[in-house]
């Protein structure tokens, strides 16, 4: 089963066309996050939660000779099948179809990577606690979220974060910040409104109605536009678990 290639939430590098502006830029900043994760991950076993089609998991292994194994986990059977065929590396990179919150591994992991995942789950704190159970004491947890509003435009997102609320999520669980990486992604509102890009077709429909029923989100979008302009912002942080 081939994963969808025209969704906001699923990037397949081999299928990106040169005129897919949003896809190409999103792929670029995803790679930057994984490069950051590779620099700050510890040696040993790594877990990539919500790995998608697996290119990031493979990048972690390729960049770090001292990483003994990378396990990529995704809930999509199609994504995992594609990842296994395209990016698997016998003995070092393997992929598992599972819910990351229900994954069990008796050996534990030295590092966890979860890129653009937490905004999707119903209970972010519960997600972090569940994955924390797989991370060894003193391990590193690298995670990223959008820090400008996204719930209004993207129906796949369940939570909006600021840099402060994202940091609080981990600090409340006893994590210490090791390093942080901020990104900006300007967007053209006219291009989005015109619907020219196929990848943007699954954005939330009828935004005016959504704002009428969610006035708080309308105010949040207005405030963000005044402060940040037409720009999405993201924050990736490497956290160290209490020893």
Protein backbone atom coordinates (compact mmCIF):
# COMPACT_ATOMS: atom_id res chain seq x y z
CA UNK A 1 0.00 0.00 0.00
CA UNK A 2 1.45 3.35 -1.05
CA UNK A 3 1.00 6.27 1.37
CA UNK A 4 -0.79 9.41 0.08
CA UNK A 5 1.56 11.94 -1.50
CA UNK A 6 -0.71 14.99 -1.61
CA UNK A 7 -1.46 15.43 2.08
CA UNK A 8 -0.29 18.10 4.48
CA UNK A 9 0.69 15.31 6.85
CA UNK A 10 2.54 12.82 4.69
CA UNK A 11 5.72 13.64 2.78
CA UNK A 12 7.16 11.10 0.35
CA UNK A 13 10.45 12.58 -0.91
CA UNK A 14 10.63 10.48 -4.06
CA UNK A 15 7.18 11.69 -5.10
CA UNK A 16 7.71 15.43 -4.59
CA UNK A 17 7.39 17.41 -7.81
CA UNK A 18 9.52 20.48 -8.52
CA UNK A 19 6.43 22.72 -8.57
CA UNK A 20 5.17 21.50 -5.19
CA UNK A 21 6.41 24.60 -3.38
CA UNK A 22 4.81 23.76 -0.04
CA UNK A 23 5.98 20.16 -0.15
CA UNK A 24 9.56 21.03 -1.07
CA UNK A 25 9.85 23.66 1.67
CA UNK A 26 8.20 21.43 4.26
CA UNK A 27 10.57 18.60 3.37
CA UNK A 28 13.56 20.93 3.71
CA UNK A 29 12.62 22.05 7.21
CA UNK A 30 11.79 18.48 8.24
CA UNK A 31 15.29 17.44 7.21
CA UNK A 32 16.73 20.31 9.26
CA UNK A 33 14.91 19.00 12.33
CA UNK A 34 16.29 15.51 11.83
CA UNK A 35 19.79 16.92 11.32
CA UNK A 36 19.38 18.73 14.65
CA UNK A 37 18.19 15.49 16.24
CA UNK A 38 21.18 13.62 14.82
CA UNK A 39 23.57 16.15 16.34
CA UNK A 40 22.05 15.93 19.81
CA UNK A 41 20.97 12.29 20.04
CA UNK A 42 23.09 10.02 22.22
CA UNK A 43 24.81 6.87 20.94
CA UNK A 44 22.99 3.58 21.23
CA UNK A 45 19.38 2.75 20.38
CA UNK A 46 17.07 5.45 19.01
CA UNK A 47 13.28 5.44 18.61
CA UNK A 48 11.62 7.62 15.94
CA UNK A 49 7.94 8.00 16.91
CA UNK A 50 5.53 8.82 14.06
CA UNK A 51 8.33 8.27 11.57
CA UNK A 52 6.13 8.61 8.49
CA UNK A 53 7.73 7.06 5.43
CA UNK A 54 11.03 6.68 7.25
CA UNK A 55 13.52 9.06 5.65
CA UNK A 56 14.26 10.73 8.99
CA UNK A 57 14.95 7.44 10.75
CA UNK A 58 17.44 6.53 8.04
CA UNK A 59 19.07 9.96 8.28
CA UNK A 60 19.69 9.42 12.00
CA UNK A 61 21.52 6.18 11.28
CA UNK A 62 23.48 7.59 8.34
CA UNK A 63 24.71 10.58 10.33
CA UNK A 64 25.73 8.69 13.45
CA UNK A 65 28.01 5.66 13.27
CA UNK A 66 27.66 5.28 17.05
CA UNK A 67 23.92 4.68 16.80
CA UNK A 68 23.50 0.93 16.99
CA UNK A 69 19.83 0.74 15.99
CA UNK A 70 17.02 3.06 14.91
CA UNK A 71 13.44 1.85 15.26
CA UNK A 72 10.90 3.88 13.32
CA UNK A 73 7.28 3.57 14.49
CA UNK A 74 4.19 4.77 12.67
CA UNK A 75 0.51 3.95 12.91
CA UNK A 76 0.10 3.84 9.12
CA UNK A 77 0.62 0.40 7.59
CA UNK A 78 1.21 1.99 4.18
CA UNK A 79 3.87 4.35 5.50
CA UNK A 80 5.68 1.57 7.37
CA UNK A 81 5.63 -0.72 4.35
CA UNK A 82 7.08 2.01 2.17
CA UNK A 83 9.68 2.91 4.81
CA UNK A 84 10.81 -0.70 5.16
CA UNK A 85 11.28 -1.10 1.42
CA UNK A 86 12.86 2.29 0.74
CA UNK A 87 14.83 3.20 3.86
CA UNK A 88 15.33 0.02 5.85
CA UNK A 89 18.89 -0.99 6.69
CA UNK A 90 19.34 -4.56 7.95
CA UNK A 91 20.74 -4.64 11.44
CA UNK A 92 20.50 -0.87 11.98
CA UNK A 93 17.17 0.61 10.77
CA UNK A 94 13.82 -1.14 11.01
CA UNK A 95 10.21 -0.02 11.02
CA UNK A 96 7.23 -1.11 13.11
CA UNK A 97 3.54 -0.44 12.54
CA UNK A 98 2.20 0.49 15.97
CA UNK A 99 0.71 3.24 18.09
CA UNK A 100 3.70 4.93 19.71
CA UNK A 101 1.77 5.37 22.96
CA UNK A 102 1.24 1.62 23.23
CA UNK A 103 4.64 0.44 22.09
CA UNK A 104 6.44 -1.95 24.41
CA UNK A 105 10.20 -2.54 24.37
CA UNK A 106 11.95 -4.26 27.28
CA UNK A 107 15.41 -3.01 26.32
CA UNK A 108 14.54 0.66 26.31
CA UNK A 109 16.04 3.44 24.19
CA UNK A 110 18.89 5.88 24.70
CA UNK A 111 17.16 8.52 22.59
CA UNK A 112 13.69 9.31 21.28
CA UNK A 113 12.84 11.53 18.32
CA UNK A 114 9.30 12.71 17.61
CA UNK A 115 9.00 15.38 14.92
CA UNK A 116 5.71 17.29 14.53
CA UNK A 117 3.71 14.70 16.45
CA UNK A 118 2.56 16.16 19.76
CA UNK A 119 0.10 18.63 18.20
CA UNK A 120 -1.79 15.66 16.72
CA UNK A 121 -2.50 13.63 19.85
CA UNK A 122 -5.55 14.18 22.10
CA UNK A 123 -3.49 14.36 25.31
CA UNK A 124 0.03 15.76 24.77
CA UNK A 125 1.07 15.20 28.39
CA UNK A 126 -0.11 11.60 28.24
CA UNK A 127 1.82 11.07 25.02
CA UNK A 128 5.07 12.40 26.49
CA UNK A 129 4.64 10.30 29.63
CA UNK A 130 3.96 7.16 27.57
CA UNK A 131 7.04 7.63 25.40
CA UNK A 132 9.07 8.63 28.46
CA UNK A 133 8.50 5.08 29.72
CA UNK A 134 10.57 3.81 26.77
CA UNK A 135 13.47 6.20 27.39
CA UNK A 136 16.30 5.22 29.69
CA UNK A 137 17.33 7.56 32.54
CA UNK A 138 19.65 10.25 31.24
CA UNK A 139 18.37 9.70 27.69
CA UNK A 140 17.57 12.46 25.19
CA UNK A 141 14.09 13.23 23.86
CA UNK A 142 14.03 15.42 20.72
CA UNK A 143 10.59 16.81 19.86
CA UNK A 144 9.16 19.59 17.71
CA UNK A 145 5.85 21.45 17.35
CA UNK A 146 4.49 24.49 15.52
CA UNK A 147 4.60 27.53 17.82
CA UNK A 148 2.21 29.66 15.77
CA UNK A 149 -1.50 28.79 15.36
CA UNK A 150 -2.20 25.76 13.18
CA UNK A 151 -5.42 24.17 14.48
CA UNK A 152 -7.62 26.60 12.56
CA UNK A 153 -6.10 25.81 9.17
CA UNK A 154 -5.06 22.20 9.66
CA UNK A 155 -7.85 19.84 10.77
CA UNK A 156 -5.26 17.17 11.64
CA UNK A 157 -3.90 19.32 14.47
CA UNK A 158 -5.62 19.20 17.85
CA UNK A 159 -3.50 21.65 19.86
CA UNK A 160 -1.85 25.03 19.42
CA UNK A 161 1.44 25.58 21.24
CA UNK A 162 3.58 28.56 22.05
CA UNK A 163 7.28 28.17 22.76
CA UNK A 164 6.47 28.66 26.44
CA UNK A 165 3.68 26.06 26.65
CA UNK A 166 5.77 23.52 24.73
CA UNK A 167 8.70 23.94 27.07
CA UNK A 168 6.44 23.72 30.11
CA UNK A 169 5.12 20.35 28.90
CA UNK A 170 8.58 18.78 29.29
CA UNK A 171 9.83 20.77 32.24
CA UNK A 172 6.82 19.70 34.27
CA UNK A 173 7.97 16.11 33.75
CA UNK A 174 11.47 16.83 35.02
CA UNK A 175 13.29 17.22 31.70
CA UNK A 176 16.21 19.62 31.25
CA UNK A 177 16.66 21.54 28.02
CA UNK A 178 19.89 20.68 26.20
CA UNK A 179 19.51 22.62 22.93
CA UNK A 180 16.82 24.32 20.86
CA UNK A 181 16.30 25.05 17.18
CA UNK A 182 13.74 27.60 15.89
CA UNK A 183 12.48 27.72 12.30
CA UNK A 184 10.39 30.10 10.20
CA UNK A 185 8.29 29.18 7.16
CA UNK A 186 6.71 32.18 5.40
CA UNK A 187 3.52 31.47 3.45
CA UNK A 188 1.51 33.27 0.81
CA UNK A 189 -2.13 33.57 1.94
CA UNK A 190 -3.28 34.27 -1.62
CA UNK A 191 -1.72 31.05 -2.89
CA UNK A 192 -3.43 29.13 -0.11
CA UNK A 193 -6.81 30.78 -0.76
CA UNK A 194 -6.57 30.08 -4.49
CA UNK A 195 -6.16 26.35 -3.91
CA UNK A 196 -3.47 26.10 -6.58
CA UNK A 197 -1.43 23.50 -4.73
CA UNK A 198 -2.85 20.01 -4.55
CA UNK A 199 -1.12 19.35 -1.21
CA UNK A 200 -3.21 22.08 0.45
CA UNK A 201 -6.52 20.51 -0.56
CA UNK A 202 -6.99 18.88 2.84
CA UNK A 203 -6.78 22.17 4.74
CA UNK A 204 -9.83 23.03 6.81
CA UNK A 205 -12.80 23.98 4.65
CA UNK A 206 -15.02 26.98 5.30
CA UNK A 207 -12.72 28.84 7.68
CA UNK A 208 -15.18 31.73 8.20
CA UNK A 209 -17.71 29.29 9.65
CA UNK A 210 -15.01 27.69 11.80
CA UNK A 211 -14.05 31.09 13.19
CA UNK A 212 -17.70 31.88 13.94
CA UNK A 213 -17.96 28.73 16.05
CA UNK A 214 -14.45 29.08 17.51
CA UNK A 215 -13.99 32.82 18.13
CA UNK A 216 -10.95 32.22 20.34
CA UNK A 217 -9.13 30.71 17.37
CA UNK A 218 -10.07 33.73 15.24
CA UNK A 219 -8.53 36.08 17.80
CA UNK A 220 -5.45 33.87 18.08
CA UNK A 221 -4.95 33.95 14.30
CA UNK A 222 -5.41 37.72 14.19
CA UNK A 223 -2.92 38.23 17.02
CA UNK A 224 -0.37 35.90 15.40
CA UNK A 225 -0.68 37.67 12.04
CA UNK A 226 -0.04 41.05 13.66
CA UNK A 227 2.95 39.75 15.64
CA UNK A 228 4.49 37.25 13.22
CA UNK A 229 3.03 38.19 9.84
CA UNK A 230 2.29 35.47 7.30
CA UNK A 231 4.77 33.05 8.76
CA UNK A 232 4.60 29.68 10.48
CA UNK A 233 7.09 29.11 13.28
CA UNK A 234 8.38 25.85 14.72
CA UNK A 235 10.51 24.87 17.69
CA UNK A 236 12.58 21.71 18.09
CA UNK A 237 14.10 21.00 21.50
CA UNK A 238 16.48 18.32 22.73
CA UNK A 239 15.54 17.37 26.28
CA UNK A 240 17.55 15.32 28.78
CA UNK A 241 15.64 12.94 31.00
CA UNK A 242 16.40 12.97 34.69
CA UNK A 243 19.03 10.37 35.54
